[in-house]
Amino acid sequence: MNWKKGWAIVGTVVALSALVVGCGSESSSDKKVITFAAETTYPPFEFAEGDTYKGFDVDLSNALAKEMGYEAKFVSMGFDGLIPALQSKQIDAIASGLVVTKEREAKVSFTEPYYHVKLVMVVRNNETNINGEDDIAGKRVAAQIGTTGAMLAQSKPGTTVKEFDAISSMLQDLSNNSVDIVMLDEPVAKYYIQKLNMKDLRIVPVGLQDHTIAIAVRKDDKELLAKMNAAFEKLKANGEYDKLQQKWFGDIQ
């Protein structure tokens, strides 16, 4: 995989004005189109490989749309722009490893959860003074914009929180000693460290928060929410969901 090329492509925000959106839109094959969006530097949930988006959320979105008799369209944008784009009807759903929080539930409706993760800290291998949540205070912390990791770091006294769009940039700053901690969900941290051979980094073996991940739709899109939940139940019953889990998370230890 050409990751440098992938990151360069991921860094380009899709021009929303060019999108064909709306759950009622018609594609060239006359199928209804559901436009899913994500911040696509979040493997194994979503990432770019060349000009193609891949990952668990991408495959799940395609499977859900197919089960509902729709066609899925998957687009990339900054994480902090996802909910505003959904609310303004530029997209139909968010499938981006989105953690369910009370603040977000006030703005969007969530499907049934499709994954559970722990928030963890990534540090340099030679770091011995960061062993748990209390050690975040006073540190230089990196996190993606608008994420629960950023929110937790900002709640600690004396922290300097640097927010990023791309995870690769956060981890590079950590390797270069520009920050002390990177906040990530555990599968994503493991993917970067193992798949990209970042041997100078390690995960602190103490989980910070348990996160529930779900797909988000607009508050008034009750029909789509019901259809998506029903499709998800079918994917669990027929074994397709388990296959996707094994495909994207099975070899991450």
Protein backbone atom coordinates (compact mmCIF):
# COMPACT_ATOMS: atom_id res chain seq x y z
CA MET A 1 0.00 0.00 0.00
CA ASN A 2 1.31 3.46 -0.87
CA TRP A 3 0.48 5.20 2.41
CA LYS A 4 2.17 8.49 1.48
CA LYS A 5 -0.04 8.69 -1.56
CA GLY A 6 -3.05 7.66 0.49
CA TRP A 7 -2.49 10.34 3.11
CA ALA A 8 -2.08 12.99 0.45
CA ILE A 9 -5.40 12.03 -1.06
CA VAL A 10 -7.08 11.82 2.33
CA GLY A 11 -5.89 15.34 3.14
CA THR A 12 -7.97 16.69 0.27
CA VAL A 13 -11.48 17.57 1.43
CA VAL A 14 -14.15 16.47 -1.01
CA ALA A 15 -15.97 19.41 -2.57
CA LEU A 16 -19.42 19.04 -1.14
CA SER A 17 -21.04 21.00 -3.91
CA ALA A 18 -20.13 18.24 -6.34
CA LEU A 19 -21.83 15.48 -4.38
CA VAL A 20 -25.01 13.75 -5.39
CA VAL A 21 -26.70 13.50 -2.02
CA GLY A 22 -29.99 12.83 -0.35
CA CYS A 23 -31.59 9.54 0.48
CA GLY A 24 -34.10 10.17 -2.29
CA SER A 25 -31.48 10.81 -4.98
CA GLU A 26 -31.40 8.54 -8.01
CA SER A 27 -28.21 7.02 -9.41
CA SER A 28 -27.49 6.04 -12.99
CA SER A 29 -28.86 2.59 -12.17
CA ASP A 30 -32.09 4.13 -10.79
CA LYS A 31 -31.33 2.95 -7.26
CA LYS A 32 -31.80 5.30 -4.36
CA VAL A 33 -28.46 6.63 -3.11
CA ILE A 34 -27.40 6.98 0.51
CA THR A 35 -24.37 9.22 0.94
CA PHE A 36 -22.20 8.16 3.87
CA ALA A 37 -19.33 10.40 5.05
CA ALA A 38 -16.23 9.85 7.15
CA GLU A 39 -12.89 11.35 8.05
CA THR A 40 -10.82 8.81 6.15
CA THR A 41 -7.53 8.62 8.04
CA TYR A 42 -8.93 6.19 10.60
CA PRO A 43 -7.84 2.64 9.71
CA PRO A 44 -9.09 0.00 10.05
CA PHE A 45 -12.45 1.82 10.12
CA GLU A 46 -11.80 3.91 6.99
CA PHE A 47 -8.78 4.95 4.94
CA ALA A 48 -7.73 5.79 1.40
CA GLU A 49 -5.79 3.41 -0.80
CA GLY A 50 -5.01 5.23 -4.00
CA ASP A 51 -8.29 6.79 -5.07
CA THR A 52 -10.41 4.15 -3.31
CA TYR A 53 -11.84 4.23 0.21
CA LYS A 54 -11.55 1.03 2.23
CA GLY A 55 -12.17 -0.15 5.77
CA PHE A 56 -14.74 -1.63 8.11
CA ASP A 57 -17.10 1.36 7.96
CA VAL A 58 -16.92 1.46 4.17
CA ASP A 59 -17.77 -2.23 3.84
CA LEU A 60 -20.50 -1.95 6.49
CA SER A 61 -22.04 1.04 4.72
CA ASN A 62 -22.09 -0.83 1.42
CA ALA A 63 -23.60 -3.92 3.06
CA LEU A 64 -26.31 -1.91 4.83
CA ALA A 65 -27.24 -0.03 1.67
CA LYS A 66 -27.41 -3.26 -0.34
CA GLU A 67 -29.63 -4.88 2.29
CA MET A 68 -31.97 -1.88 2.08
CA GLY A 69 -32.01 -1.96 -1.73
CA TYR A 70 -30.03 1.27 -1.99
CA GLU A 71 -26.68 2.26 -3.47
CA ALA A 72 -24.01 3.60 -1.09
CA LYS A 73 -21.87 6.62 -1.89
CA PHE A 74 -18.89 7.17 0.44
CA VAL A 75 -17.21 10.57 0.75
CA SER A 76 -14.41 12.07 2.85
CA MET A 77 -14.34 15.26 4.90
CA GLY A 78 -12.86 16.65 8.12
CA PHE A 79 -14.17 15.03 11.30
CA ASP A 80 -15.42 18.31 12.76
CA GLY A 81 -17.44 18.95 9.61
CA LEU A 82 -19.37 15.67 9.64
CA ILE A 83 -22.30 16.60 11.90
CA PRO A 84 -22.81 20.06 10.31
CA ALA A 85 -22.82 18.41 6.87
CA LEU A 86 -25.42 15.91 8.06
CA GLN A 87 -27.63 18.58 9.60
CA SER A 88 -27.51 20.69 6.43
CA LYS A 89 -28.49 17.65 4.31
CA GLN A 90 -25.25 17.56 2.34
CA ILE A 91 -24.90 13.90 3.38
CA ASP A 92 -27.33 11.27 4.63
CA ALA A 93 -25.32 9.39 7.27
CA ILE A 94 -22.02 9.43 9.16
CA ALA A 95 -20.06 6.18 9.26
CA SER A 96 -16.78 7.33 10.75
CA GLY A 97 -16.08 5.46 13.99
CA LEU A 98 -18.39 8.04 15.58
CA VAL A 99 -18.64 7.67 19.36
CA VAL A 100 -22.09 8.04 20.88
CA THR A 101 -22.15 10.91 23.39
CA LYS A 102 -24.98 12.86 25.02
CA GLU A 103 -23.83 16.02 23.27
CA ARG A 104 -24.01 14.33 19.86
CA GLU A 105 -27.33 12.64 20.66
CA ALA A 106 -28.82 16.12 21.04
CA LYS A 107 -27.88 16.85 17.41
CA VAL A 108 -28.29 13.53 15.56
CA SER A 109 -29.94 10.12 15.89
CA PHE A 110 -27.76 7.04 16.23
CA THR A 111 -28.36 3.53 14.95
CA GLU A 112 -27.89 0.55 17.21
CA PRO A 113 -24.20 0.31 18.19
CA TYR A 114 -22.02 -1.63 15.79
CA TYR A 115 -18.70 -1.60 17.65
CA HIS A 116 -17.23 -1.00 21.12
CA VAL A 117 -13.73 0.38 21.69
CA LYS A 118 -11.53 1.77 24.43
CA LEU A 119 -9.88 5.18 24.30
CA VAL A 120 -6.14 4.76 24.89
CA MET A 121 -2.97 6.82 25.07
CA VAL A 122 -0.06 6.32 22.68
CA VAL A 123 3.39 7.37 23.93
CA ARG A 124 7.01 6.91 22.92
CA ASN A 125 8.61 3.64 23.95
CA ASN A 126 11.06 5.36 26.30
CA GLU A 127 8.29 7.21 28.17
CA THR A 128 8.00 5.94 31.76
CA ASN A 129 6.02 8.70 33.49
CA ILE A 130 2.69 8.28 31.69
CA ASN A 131 0.86 5.26 33.06
CA GLY A 132 -2.78 6.30 33.48
CA GLU A 133 -5.40 9.04 33.20
CA ASP A 134 -3.98 11.11 36.08
CA ASP A 135 -0.74 11.50 34.14
CA ILE A 136 -2.46 13.46 31.33
CA ALA A 137 -2.42 16.63 33.46
CA GLY A 138 0.31 19.05 32.46
CA LYS A 139 1.25 17.15 29.30
CA ARG A 140 1.30 18.08 25.61
CA VAL A 141 -1.54 16.04 24.11
CA ALA A 142 -2.53 15.44 20.48
CA ALA A 143 -6.01 14.38 19.39
CA GLN A 144 -8.27 14.65 16.39
CA ILE A 145 -10.48 17.75 16.22
CA GLY A 146 -13.79 17.32 18.01
CA THR A 147 -13.12 13.81 19.33
CA THR A 148 -13.75 12.44 22.80
CA GLY A 149 -9.98 12.11 23.21
CA ALA A 150 -9.60 15.85 22.70
CA MET A 151 -12.43 16.56 25.13
CA LEU A 152 -10.89 14.38 27.84
CA ALA A 153 -7.46 15.97 27.45
CA GLN A 154 -8.95 19.47 27.59
CA SER A 155 -10.63 18.62 30.90
CA LYS A 156 -7.28 17.95 32.60
CA PRO A 157 -5.44 20.81 34.35
CA GLY A 158 -2.36 22.25 32.70
CA THR A 159 -2.62 20.30 29.44
CA THR A 160 -1.68 21.77 26.09
CA VAL A 161 -4.00 20.15 23.56
CA LYS A 162 -3.04 20.18 19.90
CA GLU A 163 -5.87 19.14 17.57
CA PHE A 164 -5.29 17.57 14.16
CA ASP A 165 -7.25 16.41 11.14
CA ALA A 166 -4.94 13.49 10.26
CA ILE A 167 -3.78 10.78 12.66
CA SER A 168 -0.52 10.34 10.75
CA SER A 169 0.44 13.94 11.63
CA MET A 170 -0.31 13.36 15.33
CA LEU A 171 1.86 10.26 15.48
CA GLN A 172 4.68 11.99 13.60
CA ASP A 173 4.61 14.80 16.18
CA LEU A 174 4.78 12.17 18.92
CA SER A 175 7.77 10.47 17.30
CA ASN A 176 9.46 13.88 16.98
CA ASN A 177 8.86 14.69 20.67
CA SER A 178 6.58 17.61 19.79
CA VAL A 179 3.81 16.12 21.95
CA ASP A 180 3.82 13.66 24.86
CA ILE A 181 0.57 11.75 24.28
CA VAL A 182 -1.67 10.89 21.35
CA MET A 183 -5.27 9.99 22.18
CA LEU A 184 -6.78 7.27 19.96
CA ASP A 185 -9.31 4.48 19.96
CA GLU A 186 -7.49 1.21 20.60
CA PRO A 187 -8.03 -0.57 17.24
CA VAL A 188 -6.81 2.49 15.36
CA ALA A 189 -3.73 2.85 17.58
CA LYS A 190 -2.91 -0.82 17.10
CA TYR A 191 -3.38 -0.59 13.35
CA TYR A 192 -0.95 2.30 12.96
CA ILE A 193 1.68 0.82 15.28
CA GLN A 194 1.51 -2.72 13.85
CA LYS A 195 0.65 -2.23 10.20
CA LEU A 196 2.90 0.79 9.68
CA ASN A 197 5.70 -0.63 11.84
CA MET A 198 5.94 2.33 14.25
CA LYS A 199 8.27 0.54 16.62
CA ASP A 200 9.19 3.71 18.52
CA LEU A 201 5.62 4.02 19.86
CA ARG A 202 3.53 1.97 22.28
CA ILE A 203 0.05 1.94 23.79
CA VAL A 204 -0.28 2.64 27.52
CA PRO A 205 -1.95 -0.56 28.82
CA VAL A 206 -4.69 1.26 30.72
CA GLY A 207 -7.94 2.04 28.91
CA LEU A 208 -9.38 5.49 29.60
CA GLN A 209 -12.98 5.29 28.43
CA ASP A 210 -15.26 2.66 26.91
CA HIS A 211 -16.76 3.96 23.69
CA THR A 212 -19.85 2.86 21.80
CA ILE A 213 -19.73 3.49 18.04
CA ALA A 214 -22.77 3.89 15.79
CA ILE A 215 -23.89 5.41 12.50
CA ALA A 216 -25.52 8.85 12.73
CA VAL A 217 -28.49 10.12 10.72
CA ARG A 218 -30.58 13.28 10.94
CA LYS A 219 -33.07 13.61 13.78
CA ASP A 220 -35.98 13.85 11.35
CA ASP A 221 -34.87 10.89 9.22
CA LYS A 222 -36.77 8.31 11.25
CA GLU A 223 -37.58 6.06 8.28
CA LEU A 224 -33.91 5.75 7.28
CA LEU A 225 -32.95 5.04 10.91
CA ALA A 226 -35.52 2.23 11.16
CA LYS A 227 -34.46 0.71 7.83
CA MET A 228 -30.79 0.87 8.78
CA ASN A 229 -31.36 -0.82 12.14
CA ALA A 230 -33.41 -3.56 10.47
CA ALA A 231 -30.68 -4.09 7.86
CA PHE A 232 -28.04 -4.28 10.57
CA GLU A 233 -29.99 -7.00 12.38
CA LYS A 234 -30.12 -8.99 9.14
CA LEU A 235 -26.36 -8.61 8.65
CA LYS A 236 -25.78 -9.95 12.15
CA ALA A 237 -28.20 -12.84 11.61
CA ASN A 238 -26.73 -13.95 8.27
CA GLY A 239 -23.11 -13.77 9.45
CA GLU A 240 -22.03 -10.92 7.17
CA TYR A 241 -21.27 -8.61 10.11
CA ASP A 242 -19.01 -11.22 11.73
CA LYS A 243 -17.16 -11.64 8.43
CA LEU A 244 -16.49 -7.92 8.27
CA GLN A 245 -15.23 -7.87 11.84
CA GLN A 246 -12.83 -10.71 11.12
CA LYS A 247 -11.67 -9.09 7.88
CA TRP A 248 -10.72 -5.74 9.45
CA PHE A 249 -9.98 -6.51 13.11
CA GLY A 250 -9.11 -10.20 13.18
CA ASP A 251 -5.34 -9.85 12.75
CA ILE A 252 -4.89 -6.79 15.00
CA GLN A 253 -3.57 -7.95 18.37
